[in-house]
N, C-alpha and C. Protein backbone atom coordinates (compact mmCIF):
# COMPACT_ATOMS: atom_id res chain seq x y z
N MET A 1 -136.03 78.77 22.88
CA MET A 1 -134.63 79.14 22.77
C MET A 1 -134.25 80.18 23.82
N THR A 2 -135.19 81.09 24.03
CA THR A 2 -134.91 82.15 25.00
C THR A 2 -134.68 81.57 26.38
N GLY A 3 -135.52 80.56 26.73
CA GLY A 3 -135.39 79.94 28.04
C GLY A 3 -134.06 79.24 28.20
N GLN A 4 -133.62 78.54 27.14
CA GLN A 4 -132.33 77.86 27.18
C GLN A 4 -131.19 78.85 27.33
N PHE A 5 -131.30 80.00 26.63
CA PHE A 5 -130.27 81.04 26.71
C PHE A 5 -130.20 81.61 28.12
N ASP A 6 -131.37 81.82 28.73
CA ASP A 6 -131.39 82.34 30.10
C ASP A 6 -130.74 81.36 31.06
N ASN A 7 -131.03 80.07 30.88
CA ASN A 7 -130.43 79.05 31.77
C ASN A 7 -128.91 79.01 31.62
N ASP A 8 -128.46 79.10 30.35
CA ASP A 8 -127.01 79.10 30.13
C ASP A 8 -126.35 80.32 30.75
N GLU A 9 -127.05 81.45 30.66
CA GLU A 9 -126.50 82.69 31.23
C GLU A 9 -126.42 82.59 32.74
N LYS A 10 -127.43 82.01 33.36
CA LYS A 10 -127.43 81.83 34.80
C LYS A 10 -126.31 80.89 35.23
N LEU A 11 -126.10 79.81 34.45
CA LEU A 11 -125.07 78.84 34.76
C LEU A 11 -123.69 79.48 34.70
N VAL A 12 -123.47 80.30 33.66
CA VAL A 12 -122.19 81.01 33.52
C VAL A 12 -122.00 81.97 34.68
N SER A 13 -123.07 82.67 35.05
CA SER A 13 -123.00 83.63 36.15
C SER A 13 -122.66 82.93 37.47
N GLN A 14 -123.29 81.77 37.69
CA GLN A 14 -123.00 81.02 38.92
C GLN A 14 -121.55 80.54 38.94
N ARG A 15 -121.06 80.09 37.79
CA ARG A 15 -119.68 79.63 37.72
C ARG A 15 -118.70 80.78 38.00
N VAL A 16 -119.02 81.95 37.46
CA VAL A 16 -118.18 83.12 37.71
C VAL A 16 -118.16 83.46 39.18
N LYS A 17 -119.32 83.44 39.82
CA LYS A 17 -119.41 83.75 41.25
C LYS A 17 -118.63 82.73 42.08
N LEU A 18 -118.81 81.44 41.72
CA LEU A 18 -118.07 80.40 42.43
C LEU A 18 -116.56 80.56 42.24
N GLY A 19 -116.16 80.95 41.02
CA GLY A 19 -114.74 81.17 40.75
C GLY A 19 -114.19 82.31 41.58
N ILE A 20 -114.96 83.40 41.68
CA ILE A 20 -114.54 84.56 42.48
C ILE A 20 -114.42 84.18 43.95
N ILE A 21 -115.42 83.42 44.44
CA ILE A 21 -115.40 82.99 45.84
C ILE A 21 -114.18 82.11 46.10
N ALA A 22 -113.88 81.21 45.17
CA ALA A 22 -112.73 80.32 45.33
C ALA A 22 -111.43 81.11 45.38
N VAL A 23 -111.31 82.10 44.48
CA VAL A 23 -110.10 82.94 44.46
C VAL A 23 -109.95 83.71 45.77
N VAL A 24 -111.06 84.25 46.27
CA VAL A 24 -111.03 85.00 47.54
C VAL A 24 -110.62 84.09 48.69
N LEU A 25 -111.18 82.89 48.74
CA LEU A 25 -110.85 81.95 49.82
C LEU A 25 -109.38 81.53 49.76
N ILE A 26 -108.89 81.27 48.55
CA ILE A 26 -107.48 80.88 48.40
C ILE A 26 -106.58 82.03 48.81
N THR A 27 -106.94 83.25 48.41
CA THR A 27 -106.14 84.43 48.77
C THR A 27 -106.10 84.61 50.28
N ILE A 28 -107.25 84.47 50.94
CA ILE A 28 -107.30 84.60 52.40
C ILE A 28 -106.45 83.53 53.06
N ALA A 29 -106.53 82.31 52.54
CA ALA A 29 -105.76 81.20 53.11
C ALA A 29 -104.26 81.46 52.98
N VAL A 30 -103.84 81.93 51.80
CA VAL A 30 -102.41 82.20 51.58
C VAL A 30 -101.93 83.33 52.48
N LEU A 31 -102.70 84.42 52.54
CA LEU A 31 -102.31 85.56 53.38
C LEU A 31 -102.26 85.16 54.85
N SER A 32 -103.22 84.35 55.29
CA SER A 32 -103.24 83.90 56.68
C SER A 32 -102.03 83.03 56.99
N TYR A 33 -101.68 82.15 56.04
CA TYR A 33 -100.51 81.29 56.26
C TYR A 33 -99.24 82.12 56.36
N VAL A 34 -99.09 83.08 55.44
CA VAL A 34 -97.89 83.93 55.47
C VAL A 34 -97.83 84.72 56.77
N ALA A 35 -98.98 85.19 57.25
CA ALA A 35 -99.01 86.04 58.44
C ALA A 35 -98.62 85.29 59.70
N VAL A 36 -98.92 83.99 59.77
CA VAL A 36 -98.64 83.24 61.00
C VAL A 36 -97.43 82.33 60.86
N ALA A 37 -96.88 82.18 59.65
CA ALA A 37 -95.72 81.31 59.46
C ALA A 37 -94.53 81.87 60.22
N ASP A 38 -93.65 80.98 60.65
CA ASP A 38 -92.53 81.38 61.50
C ASP A 38 -91.56 82.32 60.81
N ASN A 39 -91.27 82.10 59.54
CA ASN A 39 -90.22 82.85 58.88
C ASN A 39 -90.70 83.62 57.66
N MET A 40 -91.97 83.99 57.64
CA MET A 40 -92.51 84.72 56.50
C MET A 40 -93.20 85.98 56.99
N PHE A 41 -92.82 87.12 56.39
CA PHE A 41 -93.38 88.41 56.78
C PHE A 41 -93.77 89.18 55.53
N PHE A 42 -94.68 90.14 55.71
CA PHE A 42 -95.10 90.97 54.59
C PHE A 42 -94.11 92.10 54.34
N VAL A 43 -93.51 92.61 55.42
CA VAL A 43 -92.63 93.78 55.33
C VAL A 43 -91.38 93.55 56.16
N GLU A 44 -90.23 93.97 55.66
CA GLU A 44 -88.99 93.96 56.44
C GLU A 44 -88.58 95.39 56.74
N GLN A 45 -88.31 95.69 57.99
CA GLN A 45 -87.94 97.03 58.41
C GLN A 45 -86.59 96.99 59.11
N GLN A 46 -85.67 97.84 58.66
CA GLN A 46 -84.35 97.92 59.26
C GLN A 46 -84.41 98.84 60.47
N LEU A 47 -83.97 98.32 61.61
CA LEU A 47 -83.95 99.14 62.81
C LEU A 47 -82.82 100.16 62.73
N ALA A 48 -83.09 101.35 63.24
CA ALA A 48 -82.05 102.37 63.33
C ALA A 48 -81.31 102.21 64.65
N ARG A 49 -80.11 102.74 64.74
CA ARG A 49 -79.35 102.67 65.98
C ARG A 49 -78.60 103.96 66.21
N ASN A 50 -78.19 104.18 67.44
CA ASN A 50 -77.39 105.35 67.74
C ASN A 50 -76.03 105.23 67.05
N ASP A 51 -75.45 106.35 66.69
CA ASP A 51 -74.25 106.36 65.85
C ASP A 51 -73.01 105.83 66.55
N SER A 52 -72.94 105.94 67.86
CA SER A 52 -71.73 105.53 68.57
C SER A 52 -72.05 104.48 69.63
N VAL A 53 -71.01 103.74 70.00
CA VAL A 53 -71.13 102.77 71.08
C VAL A 53 -71.03 103.52 72.41
N LEU A 54 -71.98 103.30 73.29
CA LEU A 54 -72.01 103.99 74.58
C LEU A 54 -71.45 103.09 75.67
N ILE A 55 -70.81 103.69 76.65
CA ILE A 55 -70.33 102.95 77.81
C ILE A 55 -71.29 103.21 78.96
N GLU A 56 -71.99 102.16 79.37
CA GLU A 56 -72.98 102.26 80.44
C GLU A 56 -72.76 101.10 81.40
N ASP A 57 -72.64 101.41 82.68
CA ASP A 57 -72.41 100.38 83.70
C ASP A 57 -71.21 99.51 83.35
N GLU A 58 -70.15 100.16 82.87
CA GLU A 58 -68.89 99.49 82.52
C GLU A 58 -69.05 98.44 81.43
N ARG A 59 -70.05 98.63 80.60
CA ARG A 59 -70.26 97.75 79.44
C ARG A 59 -70.49 98.62 78.21
N TYR A 60 -70.18 98.04 77.05
CA TYR A 60 -70.42 98.74 75.78
C TYR A 60 -71.87 98.48 75.36
N ASN A 61 -72.54 99.55 74.91
CA ASN A 61 -73.97 99.43 74.62
C ASN A 61 -74.32 100.06 73.28
N LEU A 62 -75.25 99.41 72.59
CA LEU A 62 -75.85 99.93 71.36
C LEU A 62 -77.36 99.86 71.50
N HIS A 63 -78.05 100.93 71.11
CA HIS A 63 -79.50 100.99 71.24
C HIS A 63 -80.13 101.02 69.84
N PHE A 64 -81.24 100.30 69.70
CA PHE A 64 -81.90 100.16 68.41
C PHE A 64 -83.33 100.69 68.50
N PHE A 65 -83.75 101.39 67.43
CA PHE A 65 -85.03 102.09 67.43
C PHE A 65 -85.82 101.77 66.17
N LYS A 66 -87.13 101.84 66.30
CA LYS A 66 -87.98 101.81 65.12
C LYS A 66 -88.56 103.22 64.92
N ASP A 67 -88.95 103.52 63.71
CA ASP A 67 -89.56 104.82 63.38
C ASP A 67 -88.62 105.98 63.68
N GLY A 68 -87.34 105.83 63.36
CA GLY A 68 -86.41 106.94 63.57
C GLY A 68 -85.17 106.49 64.29
N ASN A 69 -84.31 107.45 64.66
CA ASN A 69 -83.10 107.13 65.41
C ASN A 69 -83.12 107.83 66.76
N ALA A 70 -82.00 107.80 67.43
CA ALA A 70 -81.94 108.32 68.80
C ALA A 70 -82.30 109.80 68.88
N ASP A 71 -82.06 110.54 67.79
CA ASP A 71 -82.31 111.99 67.81
C ASP A 71 -83.69 112.36 67.27
N HIS A 72 -84.43 111.38 66.82
CA HIS A 72 -85.75 111.64 66.24
C HIS A 72 -86.80 111.67 67.33
N GLU A 73 -87.70 112.63 67.26
CA GLU A 73 -88.70 112.78 68.32
C GLU A 73 -89.67 111.61 68.40
N ASN A 74 -89.82 110.88 67.29
CA ASN A 74 -90.73 109.74 67.28
C ASN A 74 -90.01 108.40 67.47
N ALA A 75 -88.73 108.45 67.80
CA ALA A 75 -87.96 107.22 67.95
C ALA A 75 -88.48 106.40 69.13
N ILE A 76 -88.61 105.10 68.90
CA ILE A 76 -89.06 104.18 69.94
C ILE A 76 -88.01 103.09 70.08
N GLU A 77 -87.35 103.02 71.24
CA GLU A 77 -86.34 102.00 71.44
C GLU A 77 -87.02 100.65 71.67
N VAL A 78 -86.60 99.66 70.90
CA VAL A 78 -87.20 98.33 71.01
C VAL A 78 -86.18 97.26 71.40
N ALA A 79 -84.88 97.57 71.27
CA ALA A 79 -83.86 96.58 71.61
C ALA A 79 -82.55 97.28 71.93
N ASN A 80 -81.70 96.59 72.67
CA ASN A 80 -80.35 97.09 72.89
C ASN A 80 -79.40 95.91 73.08
N ILE A 81 -78.16 96.17 72.73
CA ILE A 81 -77.10 95.17 72.84
C ILE A 81 -76.04 95.71 73.80
N SER A 82 -75.56 94.86 74.68
CA SER A 82 -74.42 95.23 75.52
C SER A 82 -73.43 94.07 75.52
N TYR A 83 -72.15 94.43 75.65
CA TYR A 83 -71.11 93.40 75.61
C TYR A 83 -69.87 93.90 76.35
N ASN A 84 -68.99 92.97 76.67
CA ASN A 84 -67.76 93.31 77.35
C ASN A 84 -66.78 92.15 77.18
N ILE A 85 -65.51 92.46 77.37
CA ILE A 85 -64.47 91.43 77.34
C ILE A 85 -63.48 91.74 78.46
N TYR A 86 -63.14 90.72 79.21
CA TYR A 86 -62.20 90.93 80.31
C TYR A 86 -61.43 89.64 80.55
N ARG A 87 -60.26 89.80 81.16
CA ARG A 87 -59.40 88.64 81.39
C ARG A 87 -59.76 87.99 82.72
N ASP A 88 -59.85 86.67 82.69
CA ASP A 88 -60.07 85.91 83.92
C ASP A 88 -58.73 85.70 84.61
N ASN A 89 -58.77 85.04 85.74
CA ASN A 89 -57.52 84.66 86.40
C ASN A 89 -56.91 83.50 85.63
N GLY A 90 -55.83 83.76 84.93
CA GLY A 90 -55.20 82.71 84.13
C GLY A 90 -55.03 83.15 82.70
N ASN A 91 -55.13 82.22 81.78
CA ASN A 91 -54.87 82.49 80.38
C ASN A 91 -56.14 82.49 79.53
N THR A 92 -57.26 82.79 80.14
CA THR A 92 -58.51 82.87 79.40
C THR A 92 -59.16 84.24 79.60
N ALA A 93 -59.96 84.61 78.62
CA ALA A 93 -60.75 85.85 78.70
C ALA A 93 -62.21 85.49 78.52
N SER A 94 -63.07 86.27 79.15
CA SER A 94 -64.51 86.06 79.03
C SER A 94 -65.11 87.16 78.16
N ILE A 95 -65.97 86.75 77.26
CA ILE A 95 -66.72 87.69 76.43
C ILE A 95 -68.19 87.51 76.78
N THR A 96 -68.81 88.55 77.29
CA THR A 96 -70.23 88.49 77.65
C THR A 96 -71.03 89.29 76.64
N PHE A 97 -72.16 88.73 76.23
CA PHE A 97 -73.02 89.37 75.23
C PHE A 97 -74.46 89.32 75.73
N GLN A 98 -75.17 90.42 75.54
CA GLN A 98 -76.56 90.49 75.99
C GLN A 98 -77.40 91.22 74.96
N LEU A 99 -78.49 90.60 74.58
CA LEU A 99 -79.48 91.23 73.70
C LEU A 99 -80.79 91.37 74.48
N SER A 100 -81.23 92.61 74.65
CA SER A 100 -82.49 92.86 75.36
C SER A 100 -83.50 93.43 74.38
N HIS A 101 -84.75 93.06 74.59
CA HIS A 101 -85.82 93.55 73.71
C HIS A 101 -87.08 93.78 74.53
N LYS A 102 -87.91 94.68 74.07
CA LYS A 102 -89.17 94.92 74.76
C LYS A 102 -90.01 93.64 74.78
N ILE A 103 -90.72 93.45 75.88
CA ILE A 103 -91.43 92.18 76.04
C ILE A 103 -92.54 92.00 75.01
N ALA A 104 -92.94 93.08 74.34
CA ALA A 104 -93.95 92.96 73.29
C ALA A 104 -93.39 92.36 72.01
N TYR A 105 -92.08 92.15 71.98
CA TYR A 105 -91.43 91.64 70.79
C TYR A 105 -90.84 90.24 71.04
N LYS A 106 -90.64 89.52 69.94
CA LYS A 106 -90.04 88.19 70.00
C LYS A 106 -88.85 88.14 69.04
N VAL A 107 -87.72 87.65 69.53
CA VAL A 107 -86.53 87.52 68.69
C VAL A 107 -86.66 86.23 67.87
N ASP A 108 -86.51 86.35 66.56
CA ASP A 108 -86.65 85.20 65.66
C ASP A 108 -85.30 84.55 65.36
N SER A 109 -84.25 85.35 65.29
CA SER A 109 -82.93 84.80 64.99
C SER A 109 -81.85 85.71 65.54
N LEU A 110 -80.71 85.11 65.83
CA LEU A 110 -79.55 85.85 66.31
C LEU A 110 -78.31 85.17 65.76
N SER A 111 -77.44 85.95 65.13
CA SER A 111 -76.20 85.42 64.56
C SER A 111 -75.03 86.25 65.07
N LEU A 112 -74.03 85.56 65.61
CA LEU A 112 -72.81 86.21 66.06
C LEU A 112 -71.64 85.60 65.28
N ARG A 113 -70.94 86.45 64.56
CA ARG A 113 -69.79 85.99 63.78
C ARG A 113 -68.53 86.68 64.31
N PHE A 114 -67.64 85.89 64.88
CA PHE A 114 -66.37 86.40 65.38
C PHE A 114 -65.35 86.27 64.25
N LYS A 115 -64.84 87.42 63.80
CA LYS A 115 -63.94 87.47 62.64
C LYS A 115 -62.53 87.86 63.07
N MET A 116 -61.57 87.53 62.24
CA MET A 116 -60.15 87.80 62.50
C MET A 116 -59.70 87.10 63.77
N LEU A 117 -60.12 85.85 63.92
CA LEU A 117 -59.77 85.03 65.08
C LEU A 117 -59.02 83.79 64.57
N GLN A 118 -57.82 83.61 65.07
CA GLN A 118 -57.02 82.48 64.61
C GLN A 118 -56.32 81.82 65.79
N PRO A 119 -56.63 80.58 66.08
CA PRO A 119 -57.60 79.73 65.37
C PRO A 119 -59.01 79.94 65.92
N PRO A 120 -60.05 79.66 65.13
CA PRO A 120 -61.42 79.80 65.63
C PRO A 120 -61.72 78.93 66.84
N SER A 121 -61.00 77.82 66.98
CA SER A 121 -61.24 76.91 68.11
C SER A 121 -60.85 77.52 69.45
N ALA A 122 -60.18 78.68 69.44
CA ALA A 122 -59.79 79.34 70.69
C ALA A 122 -61.01 79.89 71.42
N LEU A 123 -62.13 80.02 70.71
CA LEU A 123 -63.35 80.58 71.31
C LEU A 123 -64.39 79.48 71.50
N THR A 124 -64.97 79.39 72.69
CA THR A 124 -66.02 78.41 72.95
C THR A 124 -67.21 79.09 73.63
N LEU A 125 -68.39 78.57 73.36
CA LEU A 125 -69.61 79.05 74.00
C LEU A 125 -69.84 78.27 75.28
N GLU A 126 -70.02 79.00 76.38
CA GLU A 126 -70.28 78.35 77.65
C GLU A 126 -71.70 77.80 77.69
N ASP A 127 -71.85 76.59 78.19
CA ASP A 127 -73.16 75.95 78.36
C ASP A 127 -73.98 75.98 77.06
N PRO A 128 -73.46 75.43 75.97
CA PRO A 128 -74.21 75.46 74.71
C PRO A 128 -75.50 74.67 74.74
N GLU A 129 -75.66 73.78 75.72
CA GLU A 129 -76.89 72.99 75.80
C GLU A 129 -77.99 73.72 76.57
N GLY A 130 -77.67 74.89 77.09
CA GLY A 130 -78.63 75.58 77.95
C GLY A 130 -79.60 76.48 77.21
N TYR A 131 -79.81 76.24 75.92
CA TYR A 131 -80.70 77.08 75.13
C TYR A 131 -81.84 76.22 74.57
N SER A 132 -82.97 76.87 74.32
CA SER A 132 -84.14 76.14 73.85
C SER A 132 -83.84 75.40 72.55
N SER A 133 -83.12 76.07 71.65
CA SER A 133 -82.66 75.42 70.41
C SER A 133 -81.15 75.56 70.37
N PRO A 134 -80.40 74.45 70.46
CA PRO A 134 -78.94 74.56 70.44
C PRO A 134 -78.47 75.31 69.21
N PRO A 135 -77.48 76.17 69.35
CA PRO A 135 -77.02 76.97 68.21
C PRO A 135 -76.28 76.14 67.19
N LEU A 136 -76.30 76.60 65.95
CA LEU A 136 -75.48 76.02 64.90
C LEU A 136 -74.14 76.74 64.93
N ILE A 137 -73.07 76.00 65.16
CA ILE A 137 -71.73 76.58 65.29
C ILE A 137 -70.86 76.02 64.16
N TYR A 138 -70.25 76.92 63.38
CA TYR A 138 -69.43 76.43 62.27
C TYR A 138 -68.42 77.50 61.84
N THR A 139 -67.39 77.03 61.15
CA THR A 139 -66.39 77.89 60.52
C THR A 139 -66.62 77.87 59.02
N PRO A 140 -66.86 79.03 58.39
CA PRO A 140 -67.10 79.04 56.95
C PRO A 140 -65.95 78.43 56.17
N ALA A 141 -66.26 77.74 55.11
CA ALA A 141 -65.24 77.07 54.31
C ALA A 141 -64.28 78.06 53.67
N ASP A 142 -64.77 79.28 53.39
CA ASP A 142 -63.94 80.27 52.71
C ASP A 142 -63.27 81.25 53.67
N ASP A 143 -63.38 81.01 54.97
CA ASP A 143 -62.79 81.94 55.93
C ASP A 143 -62.41 81.18 57.20
N ASP A 144 -61.14 80.78 57.29
CA ASP A 144 -60.71 80.00 58.44
C ASP A 144 -60.31 80.86 59.63
N THR A 145 -60.66 82.17 59.58
CA THR A 145 -60.43 83.05 60.72
C THR A 145 -61.74 83.51 61.35
N SER A 146 -62.83 82.82 61.05
CA SER A 146 -64.14 83.18 61.58
C SER A 146 -64.81 81.96 62.21
N VAL A 147 -65.64 82.24 63.20
CA VAL A 147 -66.52 81.21 63.74
C VAL A 147 -67.89 81.86 63.93
N ILE A 148 -68.93 81.15 63.53
CA ILE A 148 -70.29 81.69 63.53
C ILE A 148 -71.17 80.90 64.49
N PHE A 149 -71.94 81.62 65.28
CA PHE A 149 -72.92 81.04 66.19
C PHE A 149 -74.30 81.52 65.75
N ASN A 150 -75.10 80.62 65.20
CA ASN A 150 -76.45 80.95 64.73
C ASN A 150 -77.50 80.38 65.68
N PHE A 151 -78.33 81.26 66.23
CA PHE A 151 -79.41 80.86 67.12
C PHE A 151 -80.73 81.09 66.40
N SER A 152 -81.51 80.03 66.23
CA SER A 152 -82.84 80.17 65.64
C SER A 152 -83.88 80.12 66.77
N ASP A 153 -84.79 81.06 66.74
CA ASP A 153 -85.85 81.12 67.75
C ASP A 153 -85.27 81.14 69.17
N PRO A 154 -84.33 82.06 69.43
CA PRO A 154 -83.72 82.10 70.78
C PRO A 154 -84.69 82.62 71.83
N GLU A 155 -84.57 82.11 73.03
CA GLU A 155 -85.42 82.55 74.13
C GLU A 155 -84.54 83.05 75.26
N GLY A 156 -85.01 84.09 75.94
CA GLY A 156 -84.26 84.64 77.06
C GLY A 156 -85.11 84.69 78.31
N THR A 157 -84.63 85.47 79.27
CA THR A 157 -85.35 85.66 80.52
C THR A 157 -86.26 86.86 80.40
N MET A 158 -87.53 86.69 80.73
CA MET A 158 -88.49 87.78 80.59
C MET A 158 -88.61 88.56 81.89
N GLY A 159 -88.50 89.89 81.79
CA GLY A 159 -88.69 90.76 82.93
C GLY A 159 -89.99 91.53 82.78
N SER A 160 -90.14 92.60 83.54
CA SER A 160 -91.37 93.38 83.49
C SER A 160 -91.46 94.25 82.24
N LEU A 161 -90.30 94.69 81.74
CA LEU A 161 -90.29 95.55 80.56
C LEU A 161 -89.52 94.95 79.39
N TYR A 162 -88.47 94.19 79.70
CA TYR A 162 -87.60 93.65 78.66
C TYR A 162 -87.39 92.16 78.83
N GLY A 163 -87.17 91.49 77.69
CA GLY A 163 -86.68 90.14 77.68
C GLY A 163 -85.19 90.18 77.38
N THR A 164 -84.41 89.29 77.96
CA THR A 164 -82.96 89.37 77.83
C THR A 164 -82.36 88.01 77.47
N ILE A 165 -81.51 88.02 76.45
CA ILE A 165 -80.76 86.83 76.05
C ILE A 165 -79.31 87.05 76.46
N ASN A 166 -78.78 86.19 77.30
CA ASN A 166 -77.41 86.31 77.78
C ASN A 166 -76.56 85.19 77.21
N LEU A 167 -75.40 85.53 76.67
CA LEU A 167 -74.46 84.55 76.14
C LEU A 167 -73.08 84.81 76.71
N ASP A 168 -72.40 83.74 77.09
CA ASP A 168 -71.05 83.86 77.65
C ASP A 168 -70.09 83.00 76.82
N PHE A 169 -68.95 83.59 76.47
CA PHE A 169 -67.93 82.90 75.68
C PHE A 169 -66.62 82.90 76.44
N SER A 170 -65.83 81.88 76.19
CA SER A 170 -64.51 81.77 76.80
C SER A 170 -63.47 81.78 75.68
N LEU A 171 -62.45 82.64 75.82
CA LEU A 171 -61.41 82.80 74.81
C LEU A 171 -60.07 82.36 75.40
N ASN A 172 -59.47 81.36 74.79
CA ASN A 172 -58.17 80.86 75.23
C ASN A 172 -57.08 81.74 74.64
N LEU A 173 -56.48 82.58 75.46
CA LEU A 173 -55.49 83.54 74.98
C LEU A 173 -54.20 82.86 74.54
N GLN A 174 -53.89 81.72 75.11
CA GLN A 174 -52.65 81.02 74.76
C GLN A 174 -52.70 80.46 73.33
N GLU A 175 -53.89 80.17 72.85
CA GLU A 175 -54.01 79.58 71.51
C GLU A 175 -53.93 80.61 70.39
N ILE A 176 -54.17 81.88 70.70
CA ILE A 176 -54.32 82.88 69.66
C ILE A 176 -53.00 83.19 68.97
N ASP A 177 -53.03 83.24 67.66
CA ASP A 177 -51.87 83.62 66.86
C ASP A 177 -51.52 85.08 67.18
N PRO A 178 -50.27 85.39 67.51
CA PRO A 178 -49.88 86.77 67.86
C PRO A 178 -50.24 87.80 66.80
N LEU A 179 -50.34 87.38 65.54
CA LEU A 179 -50.67 88.32 64.47
C LEU A 179 -52.13 88.78 64.53
N PHE A 180 -52.95 88.10 65.34
CA PHE A 180 -54.38 88.41 65.39
C PHE A 180 -54.81 88.99 66.74
N THR A 181 -53.87 89.40 67.56
CA THR A 181 -54.22 89.81 68.92
C THR A 181 -54.91 91.17 69.00
N ASP A 182 -54.90 91.95 67.93
CA ASP A 182 -55.54 93.28 68.00
C ASP A 182 -56.66 93.43 66.98
N LYS A 183 -57.16 92.31 66.46
CA LYS A 183 -58.14 92.41 65.37
C LYS A 183 -59.28 91.41 65.55
N LEU A 184 -59.98 91.48 66.62
CA LEU A 184 -61.14 90.59 66.81
C LEU A 184 -62.42 91.39 66.56
N ILE A 185 -63.13 91.00 65.52
CA ILE A 185 -64.35 91.71 65.11
C ILE A 185 -65.56 90.82 65.41
N LEU A 186 -66.57 91.40 66.00
CA LEU A 186 -67.83 90.70 66.24
C LEU A 186 -68.91 91.30 65.34
N ASP A 187 -69.39 90.48 64.42
CA ASP A 187 -70.45 90.89 63.49
C ASP A 187 -71.77 90.34 64.03
N ILE A 188 -72.70 91.24 64.35
CA ILE A 188 -73.96 90.87 65.01
C ILE A 188 -75.13 91.11 64.07
N ALA A 189 -76.02 90.13 63.95
CA ALA A 189 -77.24 90.29 63.17
C ALA A 189 -78.39 89.63 63.92
N PHE A 190 -79.54 90.30 63.97
CA PHE A 190 -80.70 89.69 64.61
C PHE A 190 -81.98 90.18 63.94
N SER A 191 -83.03 89.40 64.11
CA SER A 191 -84.34 89.77 63.59
C SER A 191 -85.38 89.53 64.68
N MET A 192 -86.44 90.31 64.66
CA MET A 192 -87.48 90.21 65.68
C MET A 192 -88.80 90.72 65.10
N HIS A 193 -89.87 90.43 65.78
CA HIS A 193 -91.18 90.95 65.36
C HIS A 193 -92.04 91.22 66.58
N GLU A 194 -93.00 92.10 66.40
CA GLU A 194 -93.92 92.43 67.48
C GLU A 194 -94.94 91.32 67.62
N GLY A 195 -95.12 90.85 68.86
CA GLY A 195 -96.02 89.73 69.10
C GLY A 195 -97.47 90.07 68.79
N SER A 196 -98.10 89.27 67.95
CA SER A 196 -99.51 89.42 67.61
C SER A 196 -99.95 88.15 66.91
N ILE A 197 -101.25 88.03 66.64
CA ILE A 197 -101.75 86.85 65.94
C ILE A 197 -101.16 86.79 64.54
N PHE A 198 -101.13 87.95 63.87
CA PHE A 198 -100.57 88.01 62.52
C PHE A 198 -99.20 88.66 62.56
N LYS A 199 -98.23 88.03 61.90
CA LYS A 199 -96.87 88.55 61.83
C LYS A 199 -96.77 89.37 60.54
N ILE A 200 -96.67 90.69 60.69
CA ILE A 200 -96.67 91.57 59.53
C ILE A 200 -95.28 92.10 59.21
N VAL A 201 -94.63 92.70 60.21
CA VAL A 201 -93.35 93.39 60.01
C VAL A 201 -92.21 92.64 60.70
N GLU A 202 -91.19 92.31 59.94
CA GLU A 202 -89.97 91.76 60.51
C GLU A 202 -88.96 92.89 60.65
N GLN A 203 -88.46 93.08 61.86
CA GLN A 203 -87.48 94.14 62.11
C GLN A 203 -86.10 93.51 62.24
N THR A 204 -85.14 94.04 61.50
CA THR A 204 -83.82 93.44 61.45
C THR A 204 -82.75 94.49 61.78
N ALA A 205 -81.60 94.01 62.20
CA ALA A 205 -80.48 94.90 62.49
C ALA A 205 -79.18 94.15 62.29
N ARG A 206 -78.16 94.89 61.91
CA ARG A 206 -76.83 94.30 61.77
C ARG A 206 -75.79 95.36 62.09
N VAL A 207 -74.77 94.96 62.85
CA VAL A 207 -73.72 95.89 63.24
C VAL A 207 -72.45 95.09 63.54
N ALA A 208 -71.30 95.71 63.29
CA ALA A 208 -70.01 95.08 63.60
C ALA A 208 -69.29 95.95 64.63
N VAL A 209 -68.72 95.29 65.62
CA VAL A 209 -67.97 96.00 66.67
C VAL A 209 -66.61 95.32 66.83
N GLN A 210 -65.65 96.05 67.38
CA GLN A 210 -64.31 95.50 67.61
C GLN A 210 -64.12 95.21 69.09
N LEU A 211 -63.59 94.04 69.37
CA LEU A 211 -63.30 93.63 70.74
C LEU A 211 -61.81 93.78 70.99
N ASP A 212 -61.46 94.50 72.03
CA ASP A 212 -60.06 94.78 72.32
C ASP A 212 -59.45 93.63 73.13
N ILE A 213 -58.67 92.82 72.44
CA ILE A 213 -58.00 91.73 73.15
C ILE A 213 -56.49 92.00 73.30
N ALA A 214 -55.99 93.03 72.60
CA ALA A 214 -54.57 93.34 72.71
C ALA A 214 -54.19 93.68 74.14
N SER A 215 -55.08 94.38 74.85
CA SER A 215 -54.76 94.78 76.24
C SER A 215 -54.82 93.60 77.21
N LEU A 216 -55.36 92.46 76.74
CA LEU A 216 -55.49 91.31 77.63
C LEU A 216 -54.29 90.37 77.51
N MET A 217 -53.50 90.53 76.46
CA MET A 217 -52.42 89.58 76.20
C MET A 217 -51.23 89.82 77.12
């Protein structure tokens, strides 16, 4: 009887060990999948930004930092946004937008929502086919004064220190409802992560700015 009891105890012990090993392997597999999956991260971190829009090289600029803000001694700038709007020769205006990021980072998504624009069709994206993944462009069903441009996995031009995504829009001034000529809002949201084998931290930012079109009319 003692021998049978010992065998049963060994069998139970082996099953427990195998169960523990299986749990460990499954856990490692799940964590590895989450770490390398395109849209799954362990941590989300909101980027800080400087409090005011700066004018640099005749463009409006916003700077984004991790681990603090512009006044923090440990602040590290990882991205910046610049934009401008000006009238072309004729009845159109150009809106230029640029998102730059340190080359150690990769932009995962970029969303531009132009609000208080009537009609939304007055705004078009120049060369929409010139991107690695064509953007999703739509007007929300509950807001006929907005148009949204969603870029998934956008790619830009890589330099020695920064990668840059450039977007150009054309605004038909003749189409715009006079009641909306001083209220064009650009709502910007983007996410990025530091390039590595494992994707741990997703860094996100969102900001709204006003584009002055009243002076162009």
